[in-house]
């Protein structure tokens, strides 16, 4: 059954501002509506044409808030001047090869038998566009089946983020019914979003382990919760709390309605008394008494349900705490088994103390001052004794006498220097004369 698209001016697939600029160019659109030629002939033209249809299909699905489509839907949607595109089969085949779309039948497959049973029970009750009992193959008699439905993965992911954010806003409720999710999507996202789209997106979220959902007992509506962990499932306790909370809300509404009826009866009774119709007033008064009794019973039931909800919540909390205690106990036992006993700890602490004492002794020895052989001499005492010596032991020489003595010493040194110099000169002249005479003797001829 084809998906109904939004009514647009001039039967356009998209609003004018979202359509490609070439939509009104006859020559270009004729080329785009024609079948694909071989990619090897003109690769650039083939890629450009495929990109056009790839983008416009995505924009159409995004605008209409759909994630499921068939080739028949595309032919009907993109019909222009009475002509449908002749290339959409090739476009869908390429999308399949690129894993951008998958057949809806594959999308809904689940290995678990109970999942399949649940899906049948859920989808049969609603006028959905798919059926598990009649899965059609992609190709029939070597021809493409144009009724086969496909899921656009990118659209599903984007809508999944939107629906997940809506569920996160309802964190005060552990479980959220499907009808409430659909209502929120239509009010906050897009009024045209269908139940089918919401269901497909929820199935995607469940496959991605982001949400969990199941049917509650004796309930036709689907219950959904955000999965904190990938293994999260809806438990019987959560379903029971949901049922009790729902009954609590219904009782509160019923009590409010009964209170309003009671006020109306009181007002009617007063009006009848004002008119002098006492018997009629009495009959209304008896209704009021019966109504008050009913209200009392409802209030007592409401109190019981509220007390039961609190007890269940306390029990869940206590169970969680007990589970944590058990986990902690098991961890401690494993640690004790690894050698953490009182005796071992005492031995380790004693050994540690001994090691620390030895370390302190080593530090003290290393910090001692090194002593030389003269360490026994008391230098301070020697200095004191020197200071106590009589000044006569070291007489003071007058400065005038000291200066004259210095002058005499300097003159003596000068005389010694002169005499030594003269002596050296005399000796050197004598030695040179002797050497000359020796040379003459050697040069004279020997007489016979």
Protein backbone atom coordinates (compact mmCIF):
# COMPACT_ATOMS: atom_id res chain seq x y z
CA UNK A 1 0.00 0.00 0.00
CA UNK A 2 1.72 3.21 -1.13
CA UNK A 3 2.58 5.90 1.38
CA UNK A 4 0.44 9.01 1.06
CA UNK A 5 2.57 12.09 0.57
CA UNK A 6 1.85 15.57 1.79
CA UNK A 7 -0.43 17.70 -0.37
CA UNK A 8 1.75 20.33 -2.04
CA UNK A 9 1.14 23.13 -4.53
CA UNK A 10 1.26 21.96 -8.15
CA UNK A 11 1.86 18.38 -6.90
CA UNK A 12 5.49 19.15 -6.24
CA UNK A 13 7.41 16.49 -4.27
CA UNK A 14 8.97 19.21 -2.10
CA UNK A 15 8.35 22.88 -1.35
CA UNK A 16 9.75 25.12 -4.11
CA UNK A 17 12.63 26.36 -1.93
CA UNK A 18 13.81 22.77 -1.34
CA UNK A 19 13.63 21.63 -4.96
CA UNK A 20 16.77 21.59 -7.11
CA UNK A 21 17.18 24.63 -9.36
CA UNK A 22 17.05 22.45 -12.46
CA UNK A 23 13.52 21.14 -11.67
CA UNK A 24 12.00 23.68 -14.08
CA UNK A 25 14.60 23.18 -16.83
CA UNK A 26 12.97 20.95 -19.45
CA UNK A 27 16.09 19.70 -21.21
CA UNK A 28 17.93 18.90 -18.01
CA UNK A 29 14.92 17.16 -16.40
CA UNK A 30 14.31 15.06 -19.54
CA UNK A 31 17.86 13.79 -19.25
CA UNK A 32 17.46 13.09 -15.54
CA UNK A 33 14.15 11.24 -16.06
CA UNK A 34 15.59 9.01 -18.78
CA UNK A 35 17.12 5.57 -18.04
CA UNK A 36 20.76 5.32 -17.04
CA UNK A 37 23.28 4.68 -19.78
CA UNK A 38 26.33 2.53 -19.23
CA UNK A 39 28.61 4.03 -16.62
CA UNK A 40 31.67 3.30 -18.75
CA UNK A 41 30.38 5.53 -21.58
CA UNK A 42 30.17 8.74 -19.56
CA UNK A 43 31.13 8.22 -15.90
CA UNK A 44 30.73 11.89 -14.91
CA UNK A 45 27.20 12.11 -16.32
CA UNK A 46 26.25 8.86 -14.60
CA UNK A 47 27.58 10.06 -11.22
CA UNK A 48 25.88 13.46 -11.57
CA UNK A 49 22.54 11.87 -12.38
CA UNK A 50 22.75 9.38 -9.52
CA UNK A 51 23.72 12.14 -7.09
CA UNK A 52 20.64 14.15 -8.12
CA UNK A 53 18.23 11.31 -7.34
CA UNK A 54 20.15 10.27 -4.22
CA UNK A 55 19.79 13.77 -2.74
CA UNK A 56 16.21 14.44 -3.73
CA UNK A 57 14.99 11.09 -2.36
CA UNK A 58 16.69 11.83 0.95
CA UNK A 59 15.17 15.35 1.11
CA UNK A 60 11.71 14.00 0.33
CA UNK A 61 11.88 11.35 3.05
CA UNK A 62 13.23 13.88 5.55
CA UNK A 63 10.53 16.43 4.69
CA UNK A 64 7.66 13.94 4.96
CA UNK A 65 9.11 12.25 8.09
CA UNK A 66 9.24 8.81 6.46
CA UNK A 67 11.93 6.17 6.52
CA UNK A 68 10.15 3.50 4.45
CA UNK A 69 9.42 3.69 0.72
CA UNK A 70 8.99 1.63 -2.44
CA UNK A 71 9.79 2.27 -6.08
CA UNK A 72 6.08 2.72 -6.69
CA UNK A 73 6.02 5.49 -4.08
CA UNK A 74 8.96 7.21 -5.77
CA UNK A 75 7.37 6.99 -9.23
CA UNK A 76 4.18 8.52 -7.90
CA UNK A 77 5.91 11.21 -5.86
CA UNK A 78 8.34 12.46 -8.49
CA UNK A 79 5.89 12.38 -11.40
CA UNK A 80 6.36 15.53 -13.48
CA UNK A 81 3.92 16.68 -16.12
CA UNK A 82 2.33 13.23 -16.11
CA UNK A 83 5.66 11.42 -16.61
CA UNK A 84 7.37 9.22 -14.04
CA UNK A 85 11.15 8.80 -13.90
CA UNK A 86 12.46 5.78 -15.82
CA UNK A 87 15.71 5.48 -13.87
CA UNK A 88 14.58 4.88 -10.28
CA UNK A 89 15.13 1.12 -10.43
CA UNK A 90 18.81 1.72 -11.13
CA UNK A 91 18.94 4.31 -8.34
CA UNK A 92 17.45 1.87 -5.81
CA UNK A 93 19.84 -0.87 -6.92
CA UNK A 94 22.80 1.47 -6.37
CA UNK A 95 21.48 2.49 -2.95
CA UNK A 96 21.24 -1.18 -2.05
CA UNK A 97 24.80 -1.84 -3.21
CA UNK A 98 26.02 1.07 -1.09
CA UNK A 99 24.13 -0.25 1.98
CA UNK A 100 22.25 3.05 2.28
CA UNK A 101 18.93 1.22 2.22
CA UNK A 102 17.87 -2.29 3.16
CA UNK A 103 14.70 -4.24 2.39
CA UNK A 104 12.10 -3.78 5.08
CA UNK A 105 11.75 -7.53 5.46
CA UNK A 106 15.44 -7.79 6.35
CA UNK A 107 15.14 -4.85 8.71
CA UNK A 108 12.36 -6.56 10.65
CA UNK A 109 14.06 -9.95 10.88
CA UNK A 110 14.92 -11.12 14.36
CA UNK A 111 16.47 -14.47 15.33
CA UNK A 112 14.33 -14.78 18.45
CA UNK A 113 11.00 -16.53 17.91
CA UNK A 114 9.29 -14.55 20.67
CA UNK A 115 10.36 -11.33 18.97
CA UNK A 116 8.70 -12.43 15.72
CA UNK A 117 5.55 -13.43 17.59
CA UNK A 118 5.47 -10.09 19.34
CA UNK A 119 5.95 -8.23 16.07
CA UNK A 120 3.06 -10.06 14.44
CA UNK A 121 0.78 -9.38 17.42
CA UNK A 122 1.74 -5.73 17.44
CA UNK A 123 1.61 -4.93 13.76
CA UNK A 124 -1.53 -6.94 12.90
CA UNK A 125 -3.52 -4.77 15.31
CA UNK A 126 -2.55 -1.64 13.40
CA UNK A 127 -2.95 -0.82 9.67
CA UNK A 128 0.78 -1.04 9.01
CA UNK A 129 2.35 -1.33 5.60
CA UNK A 130 4.32 -4.51 6.18
CA UNK A 131 3.46 -8.12 7.12
CA UNK A 132 5.63 -10.96 8.36
CA UNK A 133 3.41 -13.63 6.80
CA UNK A 134 3.95 -12.38 3.25
CA UNK A 135 7.58 -11.47 2.59
CA UNK A 136 8.18 -10.64 -1.05
CA UNK A 137 11.55 -11.12 -2.66
CA UNK A 138 13.37 -8.29 -4.39
CA UNK A 139 13.20 -9.91 -7.85
CA UNK A 140 10.18 -11.87 -9.18
CA UNK A 141 10.38 -13.48 -12.62
CA UNK A 142 13.59 -11.59 -13.40
CA UNK A 143 11.78 -8.29 -12.93
CA UNK A 144 12.23 -5.84 -10.09
CA UNK A 145 9.33 -5.91 -7.67
CA UNK A 146 8.36 -2.25 -7.42
CA UNK A 147 6.18 -2.89 -4.35
CA UNK A 148 9.10 -4.05 -2.21
CA UNK A 149 9.61 -1.60 0.64
CA UNK A 150 13.01 -0.32 1.77
CA UNK A 151 14.31 1.39 4.87
CA UNK A 152 16.55 4.44 4.46
CA UNK A 153 19.24 4.00 7.12
CA UNK A 154 20.33 7.63 7.41
CA UNK A 155 16.75 8.83 7.91
CA UNK A 156 16.17 6.16 10.55
CA UNK A 157 19.28 7.26 12.45
CA UNK A 158 18.28 10.93 12.41
CA UNK A 159 14.72 10.21 13.53
CA UNK A 160 16.14 7.82 16.15
CA UNK A 161 18.07 10.68 17.78
CA UNK A 162 14.90 12.79 17.83
CA UNK A 163 12.74 10.10 19.43
CA UNK A 164 15.48 9.22 21.92
CA UNK A 165 15.58 12.85 23.08
CA UNK A 166 11.81 12.76 23.57
CA UNK A 167 12.12 9.63 25.71
CA UNK A 168 14.87 11.25 27.78
CA UNK A 169 12.48 14.12 28.60
CA UNK A 170 10.19 11.55 30.24
CA UNK A 171 12.79 10.15 32.64
CA UNK A 172 10.38 10.50 35.55
CA UNK A 173 8.52 7.53 34.06
CA UNK A 174 10.48 4.29 33.75
CA UNK A 175 8.15 2.98 31.05
CA UNK A 176 6.46 5.10 28.40
CA UNK A 177 3.53 3.77 26.33
CA UNK A 178 3.82 3.78 22.56
CA UNK A 179 0.76 6.01 22.15
CA UNK A 180 2.38 8.69 24.31
CA UNK A 181 5.59 8.56 22.25
CA UNK A 182 3.60 9.00 19.03
CA UNK A 183 1.68 11.90 20.54
CA UNK A 184 4.90 13.63 21.60
CA UNK A 185 6.48 13.09 18.17
CA UNK A 186 3.51 14.64 16.40
CA UNK A 187 3.38 17.64 18.74
CA UNK A 188 7.12 18.34 19.00
CA UNK A 189 8.55 17.08 15.70
CA UNK A 190 6.04 16.94 12.88
CA UNK A 191 2.30 16.49 12.78
CA UNK A 192 2.67 14.25 9.70
CA UNK A 193 4.83 11.66 11.44
CA UNK A 194 2.94 8.37 11.25
CA UNK A 195 2.68 5.53 13.75
CA UNK A 196 4.50 3.33 11.23
CA UNK A 197 7.53 5.62 11.16
CA UNK A 198 7.70 5.81 14.94
CA UNK A 199 7.49 2.02 15.19
CA UNK A 200 10.25 1.48 12.63
CA UNK A 201 12.50 3.97 14.40
CA UNK A 202 11.87 2.28 17.76
CA UNK A 203 12.78 -1.07 16.21
CA UNK A 204 16.02 0.49 14.98
CA UNK A 205 16.76 1.88 18.46
CA UNK A 206 16.11 -1.53 19.96
CA UNK A 207 18.49 -3.17 17.48
CA UNK A 208 21.09 -0.57 18.53
CA UNK A 209 20.51 -1.47 22.23
CA UNK A 210 19.35 2.08 23.03
CA UNK A 211 15.81 1.22 24.11
CA UNK A 212 13.93 -1.82 25.31
CA UNK A 213 10.23 -2.47 24.86
CA UNK A 214 7.65 -5.15 25.25
CA UNK A 215 3.92 -5.59 25.73
CA UNK A 216 2.73 -5.49 29.30
CA UNK A 217 0.45 -8.28 30.49
CA UNK A 218 -3.19 -7.70 29.53
CA UNK A 219 -2.20 -4.49 27.79
CA UNK A 220 -2.52 -3.85 24.06
CA UNK A 221 -0.21 -0.83 24.20
CA UNK A 222 3.54 -1.09 23.78
CA UNK A 223 5.78 -0.08 26.70
CA UNK A 224 9.18 1.50 26.03
CA UNK A 225 12.14 2.46 28.21
CA UNK A 226 15.61 3.81 27.62
CA UNK A 227 18.22 1.08 27.99
CA UNK A 228 20.96 2.17 30.41
CA UNK A 229 22.96 -0.97 29.63
CA UNK A 230 23.01 -2.95 26.41
CA UNK A 231 21.55 -5.97 28.19
CA UNK A 232 18.62 -4.08 29.74
CA UNK A 233 15.17 -5.57 29.31
CA UNK A 234 11.81 -4.65 30.77
CA UNK A 235 11.31 -6.76 33.91
CA UNK A 236 8.10 -8.01 35.49
CA UNK A 237 8.66 -5.66 38.42
CA UNK A 238 8.83 -2.66 36.08
CA UNK A 239 5.66 -3.79 34.33
CA UNK A 240 3.94 -4.26 37.68
CA UNK A 241 4.94 -0.80 38.85
CA UNK A 242 3.71 0.66 35.57
CA UNK A 243 0.32 -1.00 35.99
CA UNK A 244 0.02 0.19 39.59
CA UNK A 245 1.03 3.73 38.64
CA UNK A 246 -1.48 3.73 35.80
CA UNK A 247 -4.21 2.50 38.16
CA UNK A 248 -3.21 5.19 40.65
CA UNK A 249 -3.62 7.92 38.02
CA UNK A 250 -6.99 6.52 36.96
CA UNK A 251 -8.21 6.47 40.58
CA UNK A 252 -7.09 10.07 41.11
CA UNK A 253 -9.03 11.15 38.02
CA UNK A 254 -12.07 9.16 39.15
CA UNK A 255 -12.00 10.72 42.63
CA UNK A 256 -11.77 14.18 41.10
CA UNK A 257 -14.79 13.41 38.92
CA UNK A 258 -16.76 12.12 41.92
CA UNK A 259 -15.89 15.24 43.90
CA UNK A 260 -17.17 17.41 41.07
CA UNK A 261 -20.42 15.38 41.00
CA UNK A 262 -20.73 15.81 44.75
CA UNK A 263 -20.42 19.59 44.45
CA UNK A 264 -23.07 19.61 41.69
CA UNK A 265 -25.46 17.53 43.84
CA UNK A 266 -24.97 19.91 46.77
CA UNK A 267 -25.73 22.90 44.55
CA UNK A 268 -28.84 21.17 43.15
CA UNK A 269 -30.00 20.30 46.66
CA UNK A 270 -29.69 23.93 47.72
CA UNK A 271 -31.62 25.09 44.68
CA UNK A 272 -34.44 22.64 45.38
CA UNK A 273 -34.60 23.81 49.01
CA UNK A 274 -34.79 27.39 47.81
CA UNK A 275 -37.73 26.41 45.63
CA UNK A 276 -39.40 24.60 48.55
CA UNK A 277 -39.00 21.13 47.02
CA UNK A 278 -37.82 19.40 50.20
CA UNK A 279 -38.56 15.83 49.06
CA UNK A 280 -36.61 16.29 45.86
CA UNK A 281 -33.82 17.84 47.91
CA UNK A 282 -33.80 14.76 50.18
CA UNK A 283 -33.39 12.42 47.24
CA UNK A 284 -30.39 14.43 46.03
CA UNK A 285 -29.02 14.45 49.54
CA UNK A 286 -29.17 10.64 49.64
CA UNK A 287 -27.25 10.58 46.35
CA UNK A 288 -24.68 12.80 47.98
CA UNK A 289 -24.26 10.38 50.90
CA UNK A 290 -23.86 7.41 48.57
CA UNK A 291 -21.37 9.39 46.50
CA UNK A 292 -19.35 10.25 49.61
CA UNK A 293 -19.25 6.58 50.55
CA UNK A 294 -17.99 5.73 47.06
CA UNK A 295 -15.37 8.47 47.30
CA UNK A 296 -14.23 7.11 50.66
CA UNK A 297 -13.81 3.63 49.18
CA UNK A 298 -11.88 5.00 46.21
CA UNK A 299 -9.61 7.03 48.47
CA UNK A 300 -8.91 3.94 50.60
CA UNK A 301 -8.08 1.96 47.45
CA UNK A 302 -5.82 4.77 46.29
CA UNK A 303 -3.99 4.79 49.62
CA UNK A 304 -3.50 1.02 49.41
CA UNK A 305 -2.08 1.27 45.90
CA UNK A 306 0.24 4.10 46.90
CA UNK A 307 1.43 2.13 49.93
CA UNK A 308 2.00 -0.90 47.69
CA UNK A 309 4.02 1.17 45.21
CA UNK A 310 6.18 2.53 48.03
CA UNK A 311 6.72 -0.96 49.41
CA UNK A 312 7.77 -2.28 46.01
CA UNK A 313 10.14 0.64 45.51
CA UNK A 314 11.64 0.14 48.99
CA UNK A 315 12.02 -3.58 48.30
CA UNK A 316 13.77 -2.85 45.00
CA UNK A 317 16.11 -0.45 46.78
CA UNK A 318 16.82 -2.96 49.54
CA UNK A 319 17.41 -5.67 46.96
CA UNK A 320 19.89 -3.46 45.13
CA UNK A 321 21.68 -2.64 48.39
CA UNK A 322 21.79 -6.31 49.36
CA UNK A 323 23.22 -7.17 45.96
CA UNK A 324 25.95 -4.57 46.48
CA UNK A 325 26.69 -6.01 49.93
CA UNK A 326 27.00 -9.48 48.41
CA UNK A 327 29.35 -8.17 45.74
CA UNK A 328 31.48 -6.46 48.38
CA UNK A 329 31.53 -9.59 50.52
CA UNK A 330 32.68 -11.72 47.58
CA UNK A 331 35.45 -9.25 46.79
CA UNK A 332 36.68 -9.30 50.39
CA UNK A 333 36.63 -13.09 50.45
CA UNK A 334 38.73 -13.24 47.29
CA UNK A 335 41.20 -10.77 48.80
CA UNK A 336 41.46 -12.86 51.97
CA UNK A 337 42.07 -15.95 49.88
CA UNK A 338 44.98 -14.16 48.20
CA UNK A 339 46.84 -13.95 51.57
CA UNK A 340 45.28 -10.96 53.30
CA UNK A 341 45.14 -12.44 56.84
CA UNK A 342 45.86 -11.03 60.29
CA UNK A 343 49.06 -13.09 60.72
CA UNK A 344 50.42 -12.10 57.30
CA UNK A 345 49.66 -8.45 57.92
CA UNK A 346 51.39 -8.54 61.33
CA UNK A 347 54.48 -10.20 59.86
CA UNK A 348 54.64 -7.65 57.07
CA UNK A 349 54.27 -4.73 59.51
CA UNK A 350 57.00 -6.11 61.80
CA UNK A 351 59.32 -6.60 58.86
CA UNK A 352 58.55 -3.07 57.70
CA UNK A 353 59.38 -1.66 61.16
CA UNK A 354 62.74 -3.45 61.22
CA UNK A 355 63.58 -2.18 57.77
CA UNK A 356 62.71 1.38 58.80
CA UNK A 357 64.89 1.16 61.93
CA UNK A 358 67.86 -0.08 59.91
CA UNK A 359 67.33 2.72 57.44
CA UNK A 360 67.30 5.31 60.23
CA UNK A 361 70.57 3.96 61.64
CA UNK A 362 72.19 4.13 58.23
CA UNK A 363 71.03 7.72 57.84
CA UNK A 364 72.49 8.67 61.23
CA UNK A 365 75.85 7.10 60.38
CA UNK A 366 76.01 8.85 57.04
CA UNK A 367 75.23 12.22 58.65
CA UNK A 368 78.16 12.06 61.20
CA UNK A 369 81.09 14.55 60.77
CA UNK A 370 84.38 13.08 59.60
CA UNK A 371 87.28 13.52 62.21
CA UNK A 372 91.02 14.05 61.36
CA UNK A 373 94.13 13.10 63.45
CA UNK A 374 94.32 16.65 64.87
CA UNK A 375 90.85 16.40 66.28
CA UNK A 376 92.23 15.84 69.80
CA UNK A 377 93.97 19.29 69.86
CA UNK A 378 91.87 21.93 71.52
CA UNK A 379 92.46 24.94 69.25
CA UNK A 380 90.23 27.21 71.28
CA UNK A 381 92.36 26.60 74.40
CA UNK A 382 95.54 27.35 72.44
CA UNK A 383 94.11 30.66 71.30
CA UNK A 384 93.19 31.62 74.86
CA UNK A 385 96.70 30.81 76.08
CA UNK A 386 98.25 32.96 73.36
CA UNK A 387 96.02 35.87 74.33
CA UNK A 388 97.14 35.52 77.97
CA UNK A 389 100.89 35.71 77.18
CA UNK A 390 102.81 38.71 78.59
CA UNK A 391 103.49 41.50 76.16
CA UNK A 392 107.25 41.26 77.17
CA UNK A 393 107.49 37.93 75.49
CA UNK A 394 107.06 39.80 72.21
CA UNK A 395 108.68 43.31 72.73
CA UNK A 396 107.50 46.09 70.51
CA UNK A 397 110.20 47.67 68.29
CA UNK A 398 109.97 51.45 67.81
CA UNK A 399 109.05 52.52 64.33
CA UNK A 400 112.00 54.98 63.92
CA UNK A 401 114.58 52.35 64.82
CA UNK A 402 112.82 49.86 62.56
CA UNK A 403 113.00 52.26 59.61
CA UNK A 404 116.75 53.01 60.14
CA UNK A 405 117.53 49.34 60.37
CA UNK A 406 115.64 48.79 57.16
CA UNK A 407 117.68 51.54 55.43
CA UNK A 408 120.98 50.02 56.63
CA UNK A 409 119.92 46.60 55.37
CA UNK A 410 119.02 48.01 51.96
CA UNK A 411 122.45 49.79 51.70
CA UNK A 412 124.27 46.60 52.67
CA UNK A 413 122.40 44.69 49.98
CA UNK A 414 123.46 47.30 47.41
CA UNK A 415 127.15 47.09 48.39
CA UNK A 416 127.09 43.35 48.23
CA UNK A 417 125.56 43.58 44.79
CA UNK A 418 128.28 45.98 43.51
CA UNK A 419 131.15 43.95 44.90
CA UNK A 420 129.81 40.73 43.43
CA UNK A 421 129.49 42.37 40.08
CA UNK A 422 133.12 43.67 40.08
CA UNK A 423 134.46 40.32 41.07
CA UNK A 424 132.56 38.63 38.32
CA UNK A 425 133.93 41.08 35.72
CA UNK A 426 137.58 40.63 36.85
CA UNK A 427 137.38 36.89 36.77
CA UNK A 428 135.84 36.89 33.32
CA UNK A 429 138.64 39.15 31.90
CA UNK A 430 141.32 36.91 33.33
CA UNK A 431 139.75 33.85 31.82
CA UNK A 432 139.46 35.47 28.41
CA UNK A 433 143.23 36.50 28.43
CA UNK A 434 144.21 33.00 29.33
CA UNK A 435 142.18 31.57 26.47
CA UNK A 436 143.84 33.92 23.97
CA UNK A 437 147.32 32.84 25.08
CA UNK A 438 146.35 29.21 24.72
CA UNK A 439 145.18 29.78 21.19
CA UNK A 440 148.47 31.50 20.24
CA UNK A 441 150.47 28.58 21.52
CA UNK A 442 148.50 26.22 19.38
CA UNK A 443 148.98 28.27 16.21
CA UNK A 444 152.82 28.76 16.52
CA UNK A 445 154.95 26.12 14.61
CA UNK A 446 156.89 23.69 16.63
CA UNK A 447 160.73 24.31 16.59
CA UNK A 448 163.11 21.48 15.71
